[in-house]
N, C-alpha and C. Protein backbone atom coordinates (compact mmCIF):
# COMPACT_ATOMS: atom_id res chain seq x y z
N MET A 1 -2.87 44.60 -7.40
CA MET A 1 -3.75 43.81 -8.22
C MET A 1 -3.17 42.45 -8.25
N ILE A 2 -3.83 41.43 -7.97
CA ILE A 2 -3.40 40.19 -8.28
C ILE A 2 -3.78 39.46 -9.64
N SER A 3 -2.87 38.85 -10.27
CA SER A 3 -2.79 38.34 -11.52
C SER A 3 -3.79 37.13 -11.49
N PRO A 4 -4.75 36.92 -12.32
CA PRO A 4 -5.69 35.76 -12.23
C PRO A 4 -4.81 34.55 -12.45
N HIS A 5 -3.60 34.53 -13.06
CA HIS A 5 -2.82 33.36 -13.16
C HIS A 5 -2.28 32.82 -11.97
N LEU A 6 -2.16 33.64 -10.98
CA LEU A 6 -1.58 33.17 -9.72
C LEU A 6 -2.50 32.34 -8.95
N ASP A 7 -3.88 32.54 -9.19
CA ASP A 7 -4.68 31.74 -8.53
C ASP A 7 -4.98 30.32 -9.07
N GLU A 8 -4.49 30.14 -10.20
CA GLU A 8 -4.71 28.93 -10.97
C GLU A 8 -4.06 27.68 -10.35
N GLU A 9 -4.59 26.62 -10.31
CA GLU A 9 -3.85 25.38 -9.86
C GLU A 9 -2.81 25.06 -10.83
N PRO A 10 -1.60 24.57 -10.36
CA PRO A 10 -0.65 24.03 -11.19
C PRO A 10 -1.17 22.90 -12.18
N ALA A 11 -0.60 22.79 -13.16
CA ALA A 11 -1.01 21.91 -14.18
C ALA A 11 -0.81 20.38 -13.62
N GLU A 12 0.30 20.18 -12.76
CA GLU A 12 0.52 18.78 -12.41
C GLU A 12 -0.44 18.43 -11.40
N HIS A 13 -1.03 19.42 -10.56
CA HIS A 13 -2.12 19.20 -9.58
C HIS A 13 -3.22 18.78 -10.19
N ARG A 14 -3.64 19.36 -11.26
CA ARG A 14 -4.85 18.99 -12.23
C ARG A 14 -4.64 17.51 -12.76
N ARG A 15 -3.52 17.34 -13.18
CA ARG A 15 -3.34 15.97 -13.89
C ARG A 15 -3.34 14.90 -12.84
N PHE A 16 -2.83 15.20 -11.57
CA PHE A 16 -2.88 14.22 -10.60
C PHE A 16 -4.24 13.96 -10.18
N ALA A 17 -5.10 14.82 -9.78
CA ALA A 17 -6.48 14.67 -9.72
C ALA A 17 -7.14 13.98 -10.86
N ARG A 18 -7.07 14.34 -12.01
CA ARG A 18 -7.64 13.59 -13.17
C ARG A 18 -7.08 12.00 -13.12
N TYR A 19 -5.68 11.88 -12.74
CA TYR A 19 -5.38 10.43 -12.77
C TYR A 19 -5.96 9.76 -11.62
N LEU A 20 -6.07 10.21 -10.52
CA LEU A 20 -6.90 9.46 -9.33
C LEU A 20 -8.17 9.16 -9.81
N GLU A 21 -8.98 10.26 -10.48
CA GLU A 21 -10.36 9.93 -10.62
C GLU A 21 -10.46 8.77 -11.79
N GLY A 22 -9.47 8.80 -12.75
CA GLY A 22 -9.48 7.67 -13.70
C GLY A 22 -9.07 6.41 -13.22
N LEU A 23 -8.14 6.40 -12.27
CA LEU A 23 -7.71 5.04 -11.73
C LEU A 23 -8.88 4.56 -10.72
N GLU A 24 -9.50 5.30 -10.22
CA GLU A 24 -10.75 4.91 -9.34
C GLU A 24 -11.74 4.35 -10.14
N ALA A 25 -11.93 4.82 -11.49
CA ALA A 25 -13.07 4.41 -12.12
C ALA A 25 -12.78 3.28 -13.24
N VAL A 26 -11.50 3.16 -13.25
CA VAL A 26 -10.98 2.25 -14.58
C VAL A 26 -11.57 0.86 -14.46
N ALA A 27 -12.10 0.14 -15.63
CA ALA A 27 -12.35 -1.16 -15.72
C ALA A 27 -11.16 -1.93 -15.43
N GLU A 28 -11.44 -3.12 -14.75
CA GLU A 28 -10.30 -4.01 -14.54
C GLU A 28 -9.53 -4.25 -15.86
N ALA A 29 -10.09 -4.66 -16.78
CA ALA A 29 -9.46 -5.02 -18.07
C ALA A 29 -8.57 -3.83 -18.75
N ASP A 30 -8.73 -2.66 -18.26
CA ASP A 30 -8.13 -1.47 -18.74
C ASP A 30 -7.05 -0.98 -17.50
N GLU A 31 -7.14 -1.38 -16.47
CA GLU A 31 -6.15 -1.05 -15.46
C GLU A 31 -4.71 -0.85 -15.70
N ALA A 32 -4.21 -2.09 -16.17
CA ALA A 32 -2.57 -1.90 -16.44
C ALA A 32 -2.22 -0.95 -17.37
N ASP A 33 -3.10 -0.79 -18.49
CA ASP A 33 -2.83 0.28 -19.52
C ASP A 33 -2.89 1.56 -18.76
N LEU A 34 -3.93 1.85 -18.09
CA LEU A 34 -3.84 3.31 -17.60
C LEU A 34 -2.80 3.47 -16.45
N VAL A 35 -2.45 2.46 -15.79
CA VAL A 35 -1.39 2.70 -14.80
C VAL A 35 -0.05 3.04 -15.51
N ALA A 36 0.22 2.25 -16.72
CA ALA A 36 1.46 2.56 -17.70
C ALA A 36 1.31 3.97 -18.16
N ALA A 37 0.11 4.16 -18.71
CA ALA A 37 -0.02 5.68 -19.12
C ALA A 37 0.40 6.70 -18.12
N VAL A 38 -0.08 6.71 -16.90
CA VAL A 38 0.11 7.45 -15.82
C VAL A 38 1.54 7.54 -15.52
N LEU A 39 2.22 6.43 -15.55
CA LEU A 39 3.69 6.30 -15.27
C LEU A 39 4.56 6.93 -16.30
N ARG A 40 4.00 7.28 -17.55
CA ARG A 40 4.76 7.76 -18.52
C ARG A 40 4.52 9.40 -18.46
N ASP A 41 3.86 9.94 -17.39
CA ASP A 41 3.68 11.34 -17.22
C ASP A 41 5.26 11.87 -17.07
N GLN A 42 5.35 13.12 -17.48
CA GLN A 42 6.74 13.79 -17.46
C GLN A 42 7.19 14.03 -16.02
N ASP A 43 6.26 14.17 -14.96
CA ASP A 43 6.45 14.52 -13.60
C ASP A 43 6.43 13.00 -12.92
N ALA A 44 7.66 12.46 -12.82
CA ALA A 44 7.72 11.02 -12.46
C ALA A 44 7.17 11.05 -10.77
N THR A 45 7.56 12.01 -10.12
CA THR A 45 7.17 12.03 -8.70
C THR A 45 5.66 12.01 -8.46
N MET A 46 5.11 12.94 -9.29
CA MET A 46 3.50 12.82 -9.28
C MET A 46 2.96 11.68 -9.62
N ALA A 47 3.48 11.07 -10.72
CA ALA A 47 2.84 9.91 -11.29
C ALA A 47 3.08 8.65 -10.33
N ASP A 48 4.06 8.55 -9.69
CA ASP A 48 4.41 7.68 -8.84
C ASP A 48 3.36 7.69 -7.62
N SER A 49 3.14 8.99 -7.24
CA SER A 49 2.17 9.21 -6.07
C SER A 49 0.79 8.93 -6.45
N ALA A 50 0.41 9.23 -7.71
CA ALA A 50 -1.04 8.81 -8.08
C ALA A 50 -1.16 7.25 -8.12
N VAL A 51 -0.14 6.53 -8.80
CA VAL A 51 -0.15 5.17 -8.97
C VAL A 51 -0.09 4.53 -7.43
N GLY A 52 0.92 4.94 -6.63
CA GLY A 52 0.84 4.58 -5.31
C GLY A 52 -0.45 4.55 -4.46
N ARG A 53 -1.07 5.56 -4.75
CA ARG A 53 -2.46 5.81 -3.96
C ARG A 53 -3.40 4.65 -4.47
N HIS A 54 -3.24 4.52 -5.83
CA HIS A 54 -4.12 3.52 -6.53
C HIS A 54 -3.82 2.05 -5.98
N LEU A 55 -2.34 1.80 -6.10
CA LEU A 55 -2.06 0.47 -5.57
C LEU A 55 -2.67 0.27 -4.02
N ASP A 56 -2.33 1.36 -3.14
CA ASP A 56 -2.90 1.17 -1.81
C ASP A 56 -4.46 0.77 -1.85
N ARG A 57 -5.26 1.57 -2.54
CA ARG A 57 -6.63 1.26 -2.63
C ARG A 57 -6.99 -0.15 -3.25
N ARG A 58 -6.49 -0.31 -4.36
CA ARG A 58 -6.73 -1.74 -4.81
C ARG A 58 -6.31 -2.88 -4.02
N ALA A 59 -4.99 -2.81 -3.47
CA ALA A 59 -4.48 -3.80 -2.71
C ALA A 59 -5.53 -4.17 -1.59
N ALA A 60 -5.82 -2.97 -0.83
CA ALA A 60 -6.61 -3.12 0.26
C ALA A 60 -8.01 -3.74 0.06
N ASP A 61 -8.60 -3.32 -1.15
CA ASP A 61 -9.91 -4.06 -1.61
C ASP A 61 -9.72 -5.49 -1.97
N LEU A 62 -8.58 -5.87 -2.62
CA LEU A 62 -8.35 -7.33 -3.07
C LEU A 62 -7.53 -8.17 -1.91
N LEU A 63 -7.08 -7.53 -1.08
CA LEU A 63 -6.09 -8.22 -0.18
C LEU A 63 -6.25 -9.75 0.18
N THR A 64 -7.49 -10.10 0.57
CA THR A 64 -7.64 -11.49 0.98
C THR A 64 -8.58 -12.29 0.04
N GLY A 65 -8.79 -11.75 -1.14
CA GLY A 65 -9.66 -12.41 -2.12
C GLY A 65 -8.85 -13.23 -3.05
N PRO A 66 -9.61 -13.82 -3.98
CA PRO A 66 -8.75 -14.84 -4.93
C PRO A 66 -8.27 -14.05 -6.02
N ARG A 67 -8.52 -12.78 -6.25
CA ARG A 67 -8.04 -11.90 -7.46
C ARG A 67 -6.73 -11.28 -7.22
N PHE A 68 -6.48 -11.21 -5.92
CA PHE A 68 -5.20 -10.41 -5.58
C PHE A 68 -3.84 -10.98 -6.23
N ALA A 69 -3.63 -12.30 -6.47
CA ALA A 69 -2.33 -12.72 -7.03
C ALA A 69 -2.29 -12.23 -8.34
N ALA A 70 -3.16 -12.38 -9.14
CA ALA A 70 -3.29 -12.16 -10.59
C ALA A 70 -3.04 -10.75 -10.71
N TRP A 71 -3.81 -9.96 -9.99
CA TRP A 71 -3.71 -8.34 -10.07
C TRP A 71 -2.20 -8.04 -9.71
N ALA A 72 -1.71 -8.50 -8.57
CA ALA A 72 -0.32 -8.11 -8.22
C ALA A 72 0.72 -8.32 -9.24
N GLN A 73 0.44 -9.63 -9.69
CA GLN A 73 1.56 -10.10 -10.94
C GLN A 73 1.48 -9.05 -12.04
N THR A 74 0.11 -8.63 -12.50
CA THR A 74 0.00 -7.72 -13.52
C THR A 74 0.67 -6.45 -13.19
N MET A 75 0.38 -5.88 -11.88
CA MET A 75 0.89 -4.58 -11.56
C MET A 75 2.48 -4.61 -11.41
N THR A 76 2.97 -5.78 -11.01
CA THR A 76 4.46 -6.14 -10.86
C THR A 76 5.15 -5.76 -12.21
N GLU A 77 4.63 -6.25 -13.19
CA GLU A 77 5.14 -6.18 -14.56
C GLU A 77 5.02 -4.59 -14.93
N VAL A 78 3.93 -4.05 -14.68
CA VAL A 78 3.77 -2.54 -15.22
C VAL A 78 4.65 -1.68 -14.41
N ILE A 79 4.90 -1.77 -13.26
CA ILE A 79 5.68 -0.84 -12.18
C ILE A 79 7.11 -1.33 -12.09
N ALA A 80 7.67 -2.34 -12.85
CA ALA A 80 8.85 -3.01 -12.57
C ALA A 80 10.04 -2.01 -12.25
N ASP A 81 9.94 -0.99 -13.05
CA ASP A 81 11.10 -0.11 -12.92
C ASP A 81 11.03 1.13 -12.00
N ARG A 82 9.87 0.97 -11.17
CA ARG A 82 9.72 1.92 -9.98
C ARG A 82 9.92 1.41 -8.66
N ASP A 83 11.11 1.65 -8.35
CA ASP A 83 11.51 1.08 -6.81
C ASP A 83 10.36 1.17 -5.75
N PHE A 84 10.04 2.32 -5.55
CA PHE A 84 8.96 2.54 -4.45
C PHE A 84 7.69 1.77 -4.67
N LEU A 85 7.25 1.93 -5.90
CA LEU A 85 5.94 1.08 -6.05
C LEU A 85 6.29 -0.49 -6.07
N THR A 86 7.24 -0.84 -6.34
CA THR A 86 7.52 -2.21 -6.38
C THR A 86 7.69 -2.73 -4.97
N LEU A 87 8.37 -1.89 -4.13
CA LEU A 87 8.53 -2.20 -2.55
C LEU A 87 7.16 -2.28 -1.98
N ARG A 88 6.37 -1.25 -2.42
CA ARG A 88 5.01 -1.28 -1.65
C ARG A 88 4.16 -2.24 -2.15
N LEU A 89 4.19 -2.72 -3.45
CA LEU A 89 3.36 -3.86 -3.66
C LEU A 89 3.97 -5.25 -3.31
N ARG A 90 5.22 -5.20 -3.05
CA ARG A 90 5.70 -6.41 -2.37
C ARG A 90 5.37 -6.58 -0.78
N GLU A 91 5.20 -5.29 -0.15
CA GLU A 91 4.84 -5.28 1.19
C GLU A 91 3.24 -5.56 1.25
N TRP A 92 2.52 -5.08 0.43
CA TRP A 92 1.08 -5.48 0.45
C TRP A 92 1.04 -7.05 0.36
N THR A 93 1.79 -7.55 -0.62
CA THR A 93 1.82 -9.19 -0.75
C THR A 93 2.16 -9.67 0.42
N LEU A 94 3.14 -9.22 1.36
CA LEU A 94 3.50 -9.80 2.73
C LEU A 94 2.27 -9.65 3.57
N LEU A 95 1.70 -8.46 3.56
CA LEU A 95 0.58 -8.47 4.42
C LEU A 95 -0.54 -9.52 4.22
N ARG A 96 -0.51 -9.63 2.93
CA ARG A 96 -1.56 -10.77 2.53
C ARG A 96 -1.14 -12.03 3.02
N THR A 97 -0.03 -12.27 3.00
CA THR A 97 0.61 -13.68 3.34
C THR A 97 0.27 -13.79 4.95
N VAL A 98 0.69 -12.74 5.61
CA VAL A 98 0.39 -12.89 7.13
C VAL A 98 -1.17 -13.01 7.38
N ALA A 99 -1.99 -12.12 6.87
CA ALA A 99 -3.13 -12.06 6.96
C ALA A 99 -3.86 -13.54 6.73
N LEU A 100 -3.58 -14.23 5.53
CA LEU A 100 -3.98 -15.47 5.32
C LEU A 100 -3.39 -16.56 6.21
N GLY A 101 -2.45 -16.34 6.94
CA GLY A 101 -1.99 -17.42 7.69
C GLY A 101 -0.91 -18.20 7.09
N ASN A 102 -0.62 -17.70 5.80
CA ASN A 102 0.68 -18.36 5.22
C ASN A 102 1.90 -18.23 5.66
N PRO A 103 3.06 -18.97 5.36
CA PRO A 103 4.26 -19.01 6.04
C PRO A 103 4.99 -17.65 5.59
N TRP A 104 5.62 -17.09 6.69
CA TRP A 104 6.35 -15.82 6.64
C TRP A 104 7.79 -16.01 7.62
N THR A 105 8.53 -15.14 7.48
CA THR A 105 9.79 -15.30 8.36
C THR A 105 9.83 -13.98 9.27
N ALA A 106 10.52 -13.95 10.40
CA ALA A 106 10.70 -12.95 11.32
C ALA A 106 11.37 -11.89 10.53
N GLU A 107 12.48 -12.21 9.83
CA GLU A 107 13.39 -11.23 9.05
C GLU A 107 12.50 -10.37 8.04
N GLU A 108 11.32 -11.23 7.44
CA GLU A 108 10.39 -10.35 6.52
C GLU A 108 9.78 -9.27 7.35
N LEU A 109 9.26 -9.63 8.48
CA LEU A 109 8.51 -8.55 9.22
C LEU A 109 9.46 -7.44 9.91
N THR A 110 10.30 -7.97 10.41
CA THR A 110 11.30 -6.94 11.08
C THR A 110 12.26 -6.12 10.18
N GLY A 111 12.34 -6.57 9.00
CA GLY A 111 13.20 -5.83 7.90
C GLY A 111 12.26 -5.07 6.98
N ALA A 112 10.93 -5.04 7.28
CA ALA A 112 9.96 -4.39 6.37
C ALA A 112 9.95 -2.78 6.92
N THR A 113 9.56 -2.05 5.88
CA THR A 113 9.31 -0.66 6.10
C THR A 113 8.60 -0.31 7.40
N ASP A 114 8.76 1.08 7.92
CA ASP A 114 7.93 1.32 8.89
C ASP A 114 6.36 1.32 8.34
N TRP A 115 6.11 1.72 7.12
CA TRP A 115 4.80 1.80 6.56
C TRP A 115 4.13 0.31 6.89
N PHE A 116 4.94 -0.68 6.46
CA PHE A 116 4.46 -2.12 6.56
C PHE A 116 4.18 -2.38 8.16
N GLN A 117 4.96 -2.20 8.94
CA GLN A 117 4.92 -2.37 10.34
C GLN A 117 3.81 -1.76 11.06
N ARG A 118 3.57 -0.45 10.57
CA ARG A 118 2.35 0.28 11.10
C ARG A 118 1.11 -0.34 10.70
N MET A 119 0.97 -0.62 9.41
CA MET A 119 -0.10 -1.49 8.72
C MET A 119 -0.32 -2.70 9.55
N ALA A 120 0.72 -3.39 9.63
CA ALA A 120 0.46 -4.84 10.26
C ALA A 120 -0.06 -4.54 11.83
N ALA A 121 0.57 -3.47 12.54
CA ALA A 121 0.13 -3.40 13.98
C ALA A 121 -0.97 -2.71 14.28
N THR A 122 -1.44 -1.81 13.30
CA THR A 122 -2.56 -0.94 13.62
C THR A 122 -3.91 -1.13 12.92
N THR A 123 -3.83 -2.16 12.02
CA THR A 123 -5.13 -2.53 11.36
C THR A 123 -5.64 -3.76 11.75
N GLN A 124 -6.57 -4.07 11.24
CA GLN A 124 -7.26 -5.57 11.61
C GLN A 124 -6.79 -6.52 10.53
N ILE A 125 -5.90 -6.17 9.58
CA ILE A 125 -5.55 -6.97 8.63
C ILE A 125 -4.67 -8.19 9.13
N VAL A 126 -3.81 -7.91 10.09
CA VAL A 126 -3.01 -8.93 10.61
C VAL A 126 -3.59 -9.29 11.93
N THR A 127 -3.98 -10.57 12.07
CA THR A 127 -4.53 -11.15 13.31
C THR A 127 -3.63 -12.23 14.07
N SER A 128 -2.57 -12.64 13.43
CA SER A 128 -1.58 -13.65 13.61
C SER A 128 -0.99 -13.19 15.20
N PRO A 129 -1.31 -13.89 16.28
CA PRO A 129 -0.59 -13.53 17.54
C PRO A 129 0.96 -13.58 17.45
N LYS A 130 1.46 -14.63 16.49
CA LYS A 130 2.76 -14.55 16.39
C LYS A 130 3.53 -13.32 15.87
N ALA A 131 2.82 -12.94 14.64
CA ALA A 131 3.26 -11.77 13.97
C ALA A 131 3.12 -10.54 14.92
N LEU A 132 2.13 -10.48 15.65
CA LEU A 132 1.89 -9.24 16.52
C LEU A 132 2.89 -9.35 17.71
N ARG A 133 3.15 -10.55 18.25
CA ARG A 133 4.10 -10.60 19.32
C ARG A 133 5.52 -10.07 18.67
N LEU A 134 5.91 -10.63 17.65
CA LEU A 134 7.17 -10.17 16.98
C LEU A 134 7.18 -8.72 16.89
N LEU A 135 6.27 -8.02 16.28
CA LEU A 135 6.24 -6.67 15.98
C LEU A 135 6.25 -5.90 17.56
N ALA A 136 5.38 -6.42 18.59
CA ALA A 136 5.54 -5.81 19.87
C ALA A 136 6.89 -5.90 20.47
N GLU A 137 7.69 -6.94 20.23
CA GLU A 137 8.94 -7.09 20.66
C GLU A 137 10.18 -6.48 19.92
N ARG A 138 9.83 -6.53 18.58
CA ARG A 138 11.11 -6.08 17.70
C ARG A 138 10.70 -4.98 16.45
N GLY A 139 9.53 -4.57 16.83
CA GLY A 139 8.98 -3.58 15.85
C GLY A 139 10.01 -2.38 15.78
N ARG A 140 10.29 -1.74 14.66
CA ARG A 140 11.22 -0.72 14.55
C ARG A 140 10.93 0.54 15.33
N THR A 141 9.72 0.90 15.60
CA THR A 141 9.55 2.09 16.29
C THR A 141 8.49 1.82 17.59
N ARG A 142 8.55 2.73 18.46
CA ARG A 142 7.82 2.77 19.76
C ARG A 142 6.35 2.51 19.26
N ARG A 143 6.12 3.35 18.29
CA ARG A 143 4.64 3.27 17.96
C ARG A 143 4.15 1.97 17.42
N VAL A 144 4.90 1.47 16.73
CA VAL A 144 4.72 -0.01 16.18
C VAL A 144 4.59 -1.06 17.34
N ARG A 145 5.54 -1.08 18.28
CA ARG A 145 5.73 -1.81 19.30
C ARG A 145 4.50 -1.78 20.18
N ASN A 146 4.03 -0.40 20.50
CA ASN A 146 2.97 -0.25 21.29
C ASN A 146 1.52 -0.54 20.80
N ALA A 147 1.38 -0.32 19.29
CA ALA A 147 0.11 -0.73 18.67
C ALA A 147 0.17 -2.13 18.51
N ALA A 148 1.15 -2.95 18.37
CA ALA A 148 1.04 -4.43 18.39
C ALA A 148 0.77 -5.01 19.81
N SER A 149 1.33 -4.38 20.67
CA SER A 149 0.90 -4.78 22.17
C SER A 149 -0.54 -4.54 22.54
N ARG A 150 -1.09 -3.33 21.98
CA ARG A 150 -2.35 -3.15 22.26
C ARG A 150 -3.46 -4.19 21.59
N GLN A 151 -2.97 -4.56 20.20
CA GLN A 151 -3.82 -5.48 19.52
C GLN A 151 -3.74 -6.99 20.26
N LEU A 152 -2.47 -7.23 20.78
CA LEU A 152 -2.50 -8.47 21.60
C LEU A 152 -3.43 -8.46 22.68
N ARG A 153 -3.44 -7.34 23.51
CA ARG A 153 -4.27 -7.28 24.70
C ARG A 153 -5.60 -7.27 24.28
N HIS A 154 -6.10 -6.64 23.33
CA HIS A 154 -7.23 -6.75 22.76
C HIS A 154 -7.80 -7.98 22.28
N ARG A 155 -7.02 -8.73 21.68
CA ARG A 155 -7.31 -10.09 21.26
C ARG A 155 -7.56 -11.18 22.54
N ASP A 156 -6.81 -10.79 23.64
CA ASP A 156 -6.88 -11.63 24.79
C ASP A 156 -7.79 -11.32 25.80
N GLN A 157 -8.64 -10.32 25.52
CA GLN A 157 -9.67 -9.93 26.52
C GLN A 157 -10.90 -10.65 26.08
N PRO A 158 -11.60 -11.22 27.09
CA PRO A 158 -12.87 -11.94 26.67
C PRO A 158 -13.94 -11.11 26.33
N ASN A 159 -14.85 -11.54 25.42
CA ASN A 159 -15.91 -10.69 24.69
C ASN A 159 -17.07 -10.58 25.77
């Protein structure tokens, strides 16, 4: 006989799902408070994961728009003591910099995480031939180098 308690979803899984739902629906004015509340959860790994997903979704939505900078500043203050989240937001900001054609350095791109380099090389966010050439030549992984090379070839093909 199987106990009915074995089939129950763990409490942290239920909280994670509720956090994701809440973060997706939160009003902009309440976002920082909700993110801070999630980060106070007793399970720091789960909380970081929920907030990380939220940051990825919101950053992608706001990336090239005028509200990104203010949003990123607010989130930076809320997540200041979370190394992973701070790094992720910093890399979203770097993606924005490159996407908008603002100045960046080779060291920023080549020193960035695998996640950043994959995002830059495999999505349509980065269209800078200079950035793509750098990643094609000096990307950390073969996957990044190949993806950046494909993006460059695709850009160079006549329509």
